[in-house]
Amino acid sequence: ISPAYISVTYGAGGTTQDRTKGIVTRIKDETGLSPVAHLTCVGASRDELAALLADYRAAGIENILALRGDAPEGLDRFEAVAGGFSYATDLIAFLREQGDFSIACATYPEGHPESAGGVADDIRYLKLKQDNGADAAVTQYFFDNDAFFRFRDACRAAGITLPIIPGIMPIGNYDQIVRFSSMCGASIPAWLHEQMQPIRDDLEAVKALGIELAAKQCRELLQAGVPGLHFYTLNKSEATIAIRNQLTDLL
């Protein structure tokens, strides 16, 4: 079963923009799979982004994941460059003007870590992203499906109709996930701590349990009718393949 798409990120602070362009072009030309290029507001002006998008159009790249992006290394908070964008909502509106791209955006079912208003702010901004031209949303990873279901239902009540694709992070290194989660606002439930803590120094055991738990999470999400699953692979595909192989009856 082939993936519906393969997304290609930027490096920290948008530092690998040219490499991202090269990889998505190779994916399209050499594999026949559908690439999604990440595009952020970091370190690029409106004119520079327009030039990059022209290159994507010429290469036949149709799918963009539009993000604000994280602050470059050494800075405490995000700052737009001269002539650039401060928010993903503005980048999405700009993208919609640039051509017939399919635009995905990000959303946080447990609230963006910089958001004072928590989940309510994320719902409001997701509605604005939809209104500005986003076609679909991919969530930050989460481990509590109930949090996702509450978020999805609240989004629908707020008039958000675009597909909301849950983000899945198979755990391969527990200490790393704890660190990531503290930065991105993803909560780690007590039951997950209880299962992972005793084996956290045994990476093979962590990886096996991570696959088991993620497969169970994905099965529940698919049975609840989600439009798809977005796996954060961290450039390691083995866990994602193993999870997919456990879900073939639902795919």
C-alpha atoms as a PDB file:
ATOM      1  CA  ILE A   1       0.000   0.000   0.000  1.00  0.00           C
ATOM      2  CA  SER A   2       1.621   3.229  -1.156  1.00  0.00           C
ATOM      3  CA  PRO A   3       1.333   6.416   0.899  1.00  0.00           C
ATOM      4  CA  ALA A   4      -0.995   9.117  -0.376  1.00  0.00           C
ATOM      5  CA  TYR A   5       1.890  11.582  -0.122  1.00  0.00           C
ATOM      6  CA  ILE A   6       5.380  12.080   1.274  1.00  0.00           C
ATOM      7  CA  SER A   7       6.078  15.407   2.950  1.00  0.00           C
ATOM      8  CA  VAL A   8       9.545  16.931   3.065  1.00  0.00           C
ATOM      9  CA  THR A   9      10.460  19.329   5.853  1.00  0.00           C
ATOM     10  CA  TYR A  10      12.839  22.237   6.156  1.00  0.00           C
ATOM     11  CA  GLY A  11      15.819  22.074   8.447  1.00  0.00           C
ATOM     12  CA  ALA A  12      15.898  24.172  11.597  1.00  0.00           C
ATOM     13  CA  GLY A  13      15.041  27.775  10.842  1.00  0.00           C
ATOM     14  CA  GLY A  14      14.303  27.021   7.176  1.00  0.00           C
ATOM     15  CA  THR A  15      17.958  26.369   6.423  1.00  0.00           C
ATOM     16  CA  THR A  16      17.493  23.590   3.874  1.00  0.00           C
ATOM     17  CA  GLN A  17      14.997  25.214   1.514  1.00  0.00           C
ATOM     18  CA  ASP A  18      17.003  24.334  -1.610  1.00  0.00           C
ATOM     19  CA  ARG A  19      17.494  20.759  -0.414  1.00  0.00           C
ATOM     20  CA  THR A  20      13.752  20.446   0.198  1.00  0.00           C
ATOM     21  CA  LYS A  21      13.095  21.595  -3.357  1.00  0.00           C
ATOM     22  CA  GLY A  22      15.573  19.081  -4.710  1.00  0.00           C
ATOM     23  CA  ILE A  23      14.130  16.179  -2.723  1.00  0.00           C
ATOM     24  CA  VAL A  24      10.474  16.830  -3.606  1.00  0.00           C
ATOM     25  CA  THR A  25      11.422  17.136  -7.285  1.00  0.00           C
ATOM     26  CA  ARG A  26      13.279  13.814  -7.150  1.00  0.00           C
ATOM     27  CA  ILE A  27      10.360  12.120  -5.394  1.00  0.00           C
ATOM     28  CA  LYS A  28       8.013  13.267  -8.154  1.00  0.00           C
ATOM     29  CA  ASP A  29      10.338  12.437 -11.039  1.00  0.00           C
ATOM     30  CA  GLU A  30      11.812   9.160  -9.814  1.00  0.00           C
ATOM     31  CA  THR A  31       9.166   7.434  -7.683  1.00  0.00           C
ATOM     32  CA  GLY A  32       5.756   8.401  -8.993  1.00  0.00           C
ATOM     33  CA  LEU A  33       4.677   9.220  -5.449  1.00  0.00           C
ATOM     34  CA  SER A  34       3.039  12.523  -4.561  1.00  0.00           C
ATOM     35  CA  PRO A  35       5.411  14.909  -2.728  1.00  0.00           C
ATOM     36  CA  VAL A  36       4.348  17.683  -0.356  1.00  0.00           C
ATOM     37  CA  ALA A  37       6.829  20.517   0.067  1.00  0.00           C
ATOM     38  CA  HIS A  38       6.949  22.293   3.412  1.00  0.00           C
ATOM     39  CA  LEU A  39       6.971  26.074   3.083  1.00  0.00           C
ATOM     40  CA  THR A  40       7.566  28.385   6.030  1.00  0.00           C
ATOM     41  CA  CYS A  41       7.737  32.097   6.744  1.00  0.00           C
ATOM     42  CA  VAL A  42      11.240  31.748   8.200  1.00  0.00           C
ATOM     43  CA  GLY A  43      14.024  33.715   6.572  1.00  0.00           C
ATOM     44  CA  ALA A  44      12.265  34.427   3.267  1.00  0.00           C
ATOM     45  CA  SER A  45      10.663  37.528   1.812  1.00  0.00           C
ATOM     46  CA  ARG A  46       7.519  37.593  -0.281  1.00  0.00           C
ATOM     47  CA  ASP A  47       9.608  37.871  -3.475  1.00  0.00           C
ATOM     48  CA  GLU A  48      11.838  34.956  -2.496  1.00  0.00           C
ATOM     49  CA  LEU A  49       8.829  32.788  -1.748  1.00  0.00           C
ATOM     50  CA  ALA A  50       7.218  33.754  -5.057  1.00  0.00           C
ATOM     51  CA  ALA A  51      10.388  32.687  -6.903  1.00  0.00           C
ATOM     52  CA  LEU A  52      10.452  29.355  -5.064  1.00  0.00           C
ATOM     53  CA  LEU A  53       6.792  28.734  -5.864  1.00  0.00           C
ATOM     54  CA  ALA A  54       7.452  29.508  -9.527  1.00  0.00           C
ATOM     55  CA  ASP A  55      10.129  26.794  -9.462  1.00  0.00           C
ATOM     56  CA  TYR A  56       7.651  24.383  -7.901  1.00  0.00           C
ATOM     57  CA  ARG A  57       5.039  25.156 -10.555  1.00  0.00           C
ATOM     58  CA  ALA A  58       7.590  24.591 -13.303  1.00  0.00           C
ATOM     59  CA  ALA A  59       8.574  21.251 -11.753  1.00  0.00           C
ATOM     60  CA  GLY A  60       4.946  20.146 -11.447  1.00  0.00           C
ATOM     61  CA  ILE A  61       4.911  20.251  -7.653  1.00  0.00           C
ATOM     62  CA  GLU A  62       1.298  20.842  -6.654  1.00  0.00           C
ATOM     63  CA  ASN A  63       1.154  20.214  -2.895  1.00  0.00           C
ATOM     64  CA  ILE A  64       2.394  22.610  -0.210  1.00  0.00           C
ATOM     65  CA  LEU A  65       2.290  22.376   3.582  1.00  0.00           C
ATOM     66  CA  ALA A  66       2.256  26.001   4.729  1.00  0.00           C
ATOM     67  CA  LEU A  67       3.675  26.740   8.183  1.00  0.00           C
ATOM     68  CA  ARG A  68       4.877  29.749  10.096  1.00  0.00           C
ATOM     69  CA  GLY A  69       7.959  27.825  11.174  1.00  0.00           C
ATOM     70  CA  ASP A  70      10.036  27.924  14.336  1.00  0.00           C
ATOM     71  CA  ALA A  71      12.337  30.736  15.359  1.00  0.00           C
ATOM     72  CA  PRO A  72      15.853  30.322  13.955  1.00  0.00           C
ATOM     73  CA  GLU A  73      18.453  28.974  16.342  1.00  0.00           C
ATOM     74  CA  GLY A  74      19.605  31.621  18.814  1.00  0.00           C
ATOM     75  CA  LEU A  75      16.332  33.563  18.811  1.00  0.00           C
ATOM     76  CA  ASP A  76      13.741  33.297  21.581  1.00  0.00           C
ATOM     77  CA  ARG A  77      10.785  34.057  19.349  1.00  0.00           C
ATOM     78  CA  PHE A  78       9.834  34.150  15.702  1.00  0.00           C
ATOM     79  CA  GLU A  79      10.467  37.389  13.811  1.00  0.00           C
ATOM     80  CA  ALA A  80       9.534  37.970  10.190  1.00  0.00           C
ATOM     81  CA  VAL A  81      12.221  39.145   7.795  1.00  0.00           C
ATOM     82  CA  ALA A  82      11.737  42.385   5.882  1.00  0.00           C
ATOM     83  CA  GLY A  83       9.082  41.809   3.259  1.00  0.00           C
ATOM     84  CA  GLY A  84       8.140  38.469   4.747  1.00  0.00           C
ATOM     85  CA  PHE A  85       5.195  37.029   6.644  1.00  0.00           C
ATOM     86  CA  SER A  86       4.613  36.767  10.370  1.00  0.00           C
ATOM     87  CA  TYR A  87       1.805  34.225  10.339  1.00  0.00           C
ATOM     88  CA  ALA A  88       0.864  31.049   8.481  1.00  0.00           C
ATOM     89  CA  THR A  89      -2.570  32.551   7.808  1.00  0.00           C
ATOM     90  CA  ASP A  90      -0.955  35.275   5.666  1.00  0.00           C
ATOM     91  CA  LEU A  91       1.341  32.778   3.938  1.00  0.00           C
ATOM     92  CA  ILE A  92      -1.688  30.661   3.006  1.00  0.00           C
ATOM     93  CA  ALA A  93      -3.493  33.669   1.500  1.00  0.00           C
ATOM     94  CA  PHE A  94      -0.341  34.490  -0.475  1.00  0.00           C
ATOM     95  CA  LEU A  95      -0.051  30.886  -1.666  1.00  0.00           C
ATOM     96  CA  ARG A  96      -3.633  30.911  -2.869  1.00  0.00           C
ATOM     97  CA  GLU A  97      -2.792  33.925  -5.037  1.00  0.00           C
ATOM     98  CA  GLN A  98       0.256  32.235  -6.567  1.00  0.00           C
ATOM     99  CA  GLY A  99      -1.387  29.426  -8.450  1.00  0.00           C
ATOM    100  CA  ASP A 100      -3.473  26.313  -8.208  1.00  0.00           C
ATOM    101  CA  PHE A 101      -1.607  24.667  -5.352  1.00  0.00           C
ATOM    102  CA  SER A 102      -3.182  22.210  -2.957  1.00  0.00           C
ATOM    103  CA  ILE A 103      -2.501  23.797   0.431  1.00  0.00           C
ATOM    104  CA  ALA A 104      -2.299  21.974   3.738  1.00  0.00           C
ATOM    105  CA  CYS A 105      -1.782  23.712   7.053  1.00  0.00           C
ATOM    106  CA  ALA A 106      -0.895  22.741  10.614  1.00  0.00           C
ATOM    107  CA  THR A 107      -3.064  22.716  13.694  1.00  0.00           C
ATOM    108  CA  TYR A 108      -2.617  21.785  17.349  1.00  0.00           C
ATOM    109  CA  PRO A 109      -5.389  19.712  18.954  1.00  0.00           C
ATOM    110  CA  GLU A 110      -3.932  20.420  22.414  1.00  0.00           C
ATOM    111  CA  GLY A 111      -3.116  24.082  21.707  1.00  0.00           C
ATOM    112  CA  HIS A 112      -0.028  25.746  20.256  1.00  0.00           C
ATOM    113  CA  PRO A 113       2.668  26.193  22.917  1.00  0.00           C
ATOM    114  CA  GLU A 114       2.808  29.953  22.211  1.00  0.00           C
ATOM    115  CA  SER A 115      -0.957  30.410  22.351  1.00  0.00           C
ATOM    116  CA  ALA A 116      -2.368  32.231  25.362  1.00  0.00           C
ATOM    117  CA  GLY A 117      -5.878  31.062  24.524  1.00  0.00           C
ATOM    118  CA  GLY A 118      -5.081  27.371  24.186  1.00  0.00           C
ATOM    119  CA  VAL A 119      -7.235  25.161  21.990  1.00  0.00           C
ATOM    120  CA  ALA A 120      -9.819  27.903  21.401  1.00  0.00           C
ATOM    121  CA  ASP A 121      -7.156  29.987  19.664  1.00  0.00           C
ATOM    122  CA  ASP A 122      -6.156  27.056  17.466  1.00  0.00           C
ATOM    123  CA  ILE A 123      -9.744  26.566  16.368  1.00  0.00           C
ATOM    124  CA  ARG A 124     -10.065  30.254  15.549  1.00  0.00           C
ATOM    125  CA  TYR A 125      -6.831  30.289  13.557  1.00  0.00           C
ATOM    126  CA  LEU A 126      -7.693  27.069  11.748  1.00  0.00           C
ATOM    127  CA  LYS A 127     -10.962  28.646  10.623  1.00  0.00           C
ATOM    128  CA  LEU A 128      -8.988  31.623   9.324  1.00  0.00           C
ATOM    129  CA  LYS A 129      -6.565  29.317   7.508  1.00  0.00           C
ATOM    130  CA  GLN A 130      -9.524  27.608   5.889  1.00  0.00           C
ATOM    131  CA  ASP A 131     -11.051  30.948   4.917  1.00  0.00           C
ATOM    132  CA  ASN A 132      -7.708  32.068   3.439  1.00  0.00           C
ATOM    133  CA  GLY A 133      -7.456  29.015   1.210  1.00  0.00           C
ATOM    134  CA  ALA A 134      -6.206  25.950   3.092  1.00  0.00           C
ATOM    135  CA  ASP A 135      -7.575  22.678   1.743  1.00  0.00           C
ATOM    136  CA  ALA A 136      -6.633  20.347   4.611  1.00  0.00           C
ATOM    137  CA  ALA A 137      -5.020  20.402   8.045  1.00  0.00           C
ATOM    138  CA  VAL A 138      -2.423  18.120   9.610  1.00  0.00           C
ATOM    139  CA  THR A 139      -2.251  18.035  13.387  1.00  0.00           C
ATOM    140  CA  GLN A 140       0.681  18.079  15.717  1.00  0.00           C
ATOM    141  CA  TYR A 141       1.223  14.579  17.062  1.00  0.00           C
ATOM    142  CA  PHE A 142      -0.739  13.491  20.116  1.00  0.00           C
ATOM    143  CA  PHE A 143      -1.133  10.337  22.182  1.00  0.00           C
ATOM    144  CA  ASP A 144      -4.623  10.898  23.612  1.00  0.00           C
ATOM    145  CA  ASN A 145      -7.230  10.191  20.930  1.00  0.00           C
ATOM    146  CA  ASP A 146      -9.977  11.714  23.068  1.00  0.00           C
ATOM    147  CA  ALA A 147      -8.176  15.068  22.852  1.00  0.00           C
ATOM    148  CA  PHE A 148      -8.229  14.791  19.070  1.00  0.00           C
ATOM    149  CA  PHE A 149     -11.906  13.827  18.958  1.00  0.00           C
ATOM    150  CA  ARG A 150     -12.854  16.779  21.192  1.00  0.00           C
ATOM    151  CA  PHE A 151     -10.837  19.097  18.967  1.00  0.00           C
ATOM    152  CA  ARG A 152     -12.362  17.713  15.770  1.00  0.00           C
ATOM    153  CA  ASP A 153     -15.895  18.072  17.095  1.00  0.00           C
ATOM    154  CA  ALA A 154     -15.232  21.642  18.262  1.00  0.00           C
ATOM    155  CA  CYS A 155     -13.809  22.500  14.841  1.00  0.00           C
ATOM    156  CA  ARG A 156     -16.903  21.198  13.094  1.00  0.00           C
ATOM    157  CA  ALA A 157     -19.095  23.215  15.450  1.00  0.00           C
ATOM    158  CA  ALA A 158     -17.054  26.308  14.516  1.00  0.00           C
ATOM    159  CA  GLY A 159     -17.721  25.836  10.796  1.00  0.00           C
ATOM    160  CA  ILE A 160     -14.430  24.170   9.878  1.00  0.00           C
ATOM    161  CA  THR A 161     -15.147  21.676   7.113  1.00  0.00           C
ATOM    162  CA  LEU A 162     -11.693  20.872   5.734  1.00  0.00           C
ATOM    163  CA  PRO A 163     -10.237  17.403   6.394  1.00  0.00           C
ATOM    164  CA  ILE A 164      -8.294  17.238   9.672  1.00  0.00           C
ATOM    165  CA  ILE A 165      -5.586  14.568   9.417  1.00  0.00           C
ATOM    166  CA  PRO A 166      -4.242  13.319  12.758  1.00  0.00           C
ATOM    167  CA  GLY A 167      -0.476  13.369  13.225  1.00  0.00           C
ATOM    168  CA  ILE A 168       1.092  10.175  14.588  1.00  0.00           C
ATOM    169  CA  MET A 169       4.518   9.912  16.226  1.00  0.00           C
ATOM    170  CA  PRO A 170       5.668   6.325  16.788  1.00  0.00           C
ATOM    171  CA  ILE A 171       7.931   6.365  19.839  1.00  0.00           C
ATOM    172  CA  GLY A 172      11.427   5.035  19.183  1.00  0.00           C
ATOM    173  CA  ASN A 173      13.322   6.966  21.854  1.00  0.00           C
ATOM    174  CA  TYR A 174      11.317   7.911  24.921  1.00  0.00           C
ATOM    175  CA  ASP A 175      13.662  10.582  26.270  1.00  0.00           C
ATOM    176  CA  GLN A 176      13.619  12.246  22.855  1.00  0.00           C
ATOM    177  CA  ILE A 177       9.811  12.237  22.762  1.00  0.00           C
ATOM    178  CA  VAL A 178       9.622  13.743  26.246  1.00  0.00           C
ATOM    179  CA  ARG A 179      11.934  16.535  25.080  1.00  0.00           C
ATOM    180  CA  PHE A 180      10.023  17.116  21.831  1.00  0.00           C
ATOM    181  CA  SER A 181       6.686  17.126  23.619  1.00  0.00           C
ATOM    182  CA  SER A 182       7.791  19.723  26.139  1.00  0.00           C
ATOM    183  CA  MET A 183       8.633  22.054  23.241  1.00  0.00           C
ATOM    184  CA  CYS A 184       5.605  21.487  21.008  1.00  0.00           C
ATOM    185  CA  GLY A 185       2.825  21.274  23.585  1.00  0.00           C
ATOM    186  CA  ALA A 186       1.935  17.609  23.102  1.00  0.00           C
ATOM    187  CA  SER A 187       0.917  15.990  26.381  1.00  0.00           C
ATOM    188  CA  ILE A 188       2.162  12.571  27.453  1.00  0.00           C
ATOM    189  CA  PRO A 189      -0.588  10.704  29.332  1.00  0.00           C
ATOM    190  CA  ALA A 190       0.198   9.088  32.678  1.00  0.00           C
ATOM    191  CA  TRP A 191      -0.483   5.596  31.289  1.00  0.00           C
ATOM    192  CA  LEU A 192       2.157   6.163  28.609  1.00  0.00           C
ATOM    193  CA  HIS A 193       4.725   7.257  31.195  1.00  0.00           C
ATOM    194  CA  GLU A 194       3.928   4.179  33.260  1.00  0.00           C
ATOM    195  CA  GLN A 195       4.536   1.826  30.341  1.00  0.00           C
ATOM    196  CA  MET A 196       7.614   3.547  28.941  1.00  0.00           C
ATOM    197  CA  GLN A 197       9.505   4.546  32.086  1.00  0.00           C
ATOM    198  CA  PRO A 198      10.638   1.023  33.096  1.00  0.00           C
ATOM    199  CA  ILE A 199      12.095   0.307  29.631  1.00  0.00           C
ATOM    200  CA  ARG A 200      13.281   3.773  28.597  1.00  0.00           C
ATOM    201  CA  ASP A 201      16.955   2.688  28.411  1.00  0.00           C
ATOM    202  CA  ASP A 202      16.180  -0.350  26.228  1.00  0.00           C
ATOM    203  CA  LEU A 203      15.732   1.219  22.790  1.00  0.00           C
ATOM    204  CA  GLU A 204      14.572  -1.997  21.118  1.00  0.00           C
ATOM    205  CA  ALA A 205      11.914  -2.521  23.762  1.00  0.00           C
ATOM    206  CA  VAL A 206      10.846   1.125  23.469  1.00  0.00           C
ATOM    207  CA  LYS A 207      10.593   0.821  19.694  1.00  0.00           C
ATOM    208  CA  ALA A 208       8.511  -2.379  19.915  1.00  0.00           C
ATOM    209  CA  LEU A 209       6.133  -0.863  22.450  1.00  0.00           C
ATOM    210  CA  GLY A 210       5.979   2.344  20.433  1.00  0.00           C
ATOM    211  CA  ILE A 211       4.845   0.394  17.366  1.00  0.00           C
ATOM    212  CA  GLU A 212       2.258  -1.528  19.380  1.00  0.00           C
ATOM    213  CA  LEU A 213       0.781   1.604  20.949  1.00  0.00           C
ATOM    214  CA  ALA A 214       0.785   3.610  17.723  1.00  0.00           C
ATOM    215  CA  ALA A 215      -0.915   0.792  15.813  1.00  0.00           C
ATOM    216  CA  LYS A 216      -3.632   0.663  18.468  1.00  0.00           C
ATOM    217  CA  GLN A 217      -4.019   4.446  18.315  1.00  0.00           C
ATOM    218  CA  CYS A 218      -4.243   4.414  14.514  1.00  0.00           C
ATOM    219  CA  ARG A 219      -6.791   1.608  14.484  1.00  0.00           C
ATOM    220  CA  GLU A 220      -9.086   3.572  16.796  1.00  0.00           C
ATOM    221  CA  LEU A 221      -8.703   6.721  14.701  1.00  0.00           C
ATOM    222  CA  LEU A 222      -9.409   4.935  11.420  1.00  0.00           C
ATOM    223  CA  GLN A 223     -12.442   3.199  12.886  1.00  0.00           C
ATOM    224  CA  ALA A 224     -13.690   6.651  13.958  1.00  0.00           C
ATOM    225  CA  GLY A 225     -13.575   7.831  10.346  1.00  0.00           C
ATOM    226  CA  VAL A 226     -10.508  10.070  10.142  1.00  0.00           C
ATOM    227  CA  PRO A 227      -9.598  10.995   6.541  1.00  0.00           C
ATOM    228  CA  GLY A 228      -6.080   9.591   6.811  1.00  0.00           C
ATOM    229  CA  LEU A 229      -3.002   9.441   9.018  1.00  0.00           C
ATOM    230  CA  HIS A 230       0.131  11.591   8.901  1.00  0.00           C
ATOM    231  CA  PHE A 231       3.215   9.848  10.284  1.00  0.00           C
ATOM    232  CA  TYR A 232       6.156  11.779  11.675  1.00  0.00           C
ATOM    233  CA  THR A 233       8.984   9.428  10.726  1.00  0.00           C
ATOM    234  CA  LEU A 234      12.063  11.477  11.742  1.00  0.00           C
ATOM    235  CA  ASN A 235      13.673   9.999   8.602  1.00  0.00           C
ATOM    236  CA  LYS A 236      13.169   6.456   9.913  1.00  0.00           C
ATOM    237  CA  SER A 237      10.532   4.449   8.094  1.00  0.00           C
ATOM    238  CA  GLU A 238      10.689   1.070   9.833  1.00  0.00           C
ATOM    239  CA  ALA A 239       8.133   1.823  12.552  1.00  0.00           C
ATOM    240  CA  THR A 240       5.676   3.380  10.099  1.00  0.00           C
ATOM    241  CA  ILE A 241       5.913   0.357   7.797  1.00  0.00           C
ATOM    242  CA  ALA A 242       5.368  -2.008  10.735  1.00  0.00           C
ATOM    243  CA  ILE A 243       2.296  -0.035  11.846  1.00  0.00           C
ATOM    244  CA  ARG A 244       0.874   0.016   8.332  1.00  0.00           C
ATOM    245  CA  ASN A 245       1.290  -3.758   8.097  1.00  0.00           C
ATOM    246  CA  GLN A 246      -0.869  -4.132  11.216  1.00  0.00           C
ATOM    247  CA  LEU A 247      -3.631  -2.009   9.704  1.00  0.00           C
ATOM    248  CA  THR A 248      -4.011  -3.553   6.245  1.00  0.00           C
ATOM    249  CA  ASP A 249      -7.554  -4.705   7.029  1.00  0.00           C
ATOM    250  CA  LEU A 250      -8.602  -1.068   7.461  1.00  0.00           C
ATOM    251  CA  LEU A 251      -6.714   0.424   4.503  1.00  0.00           C
END
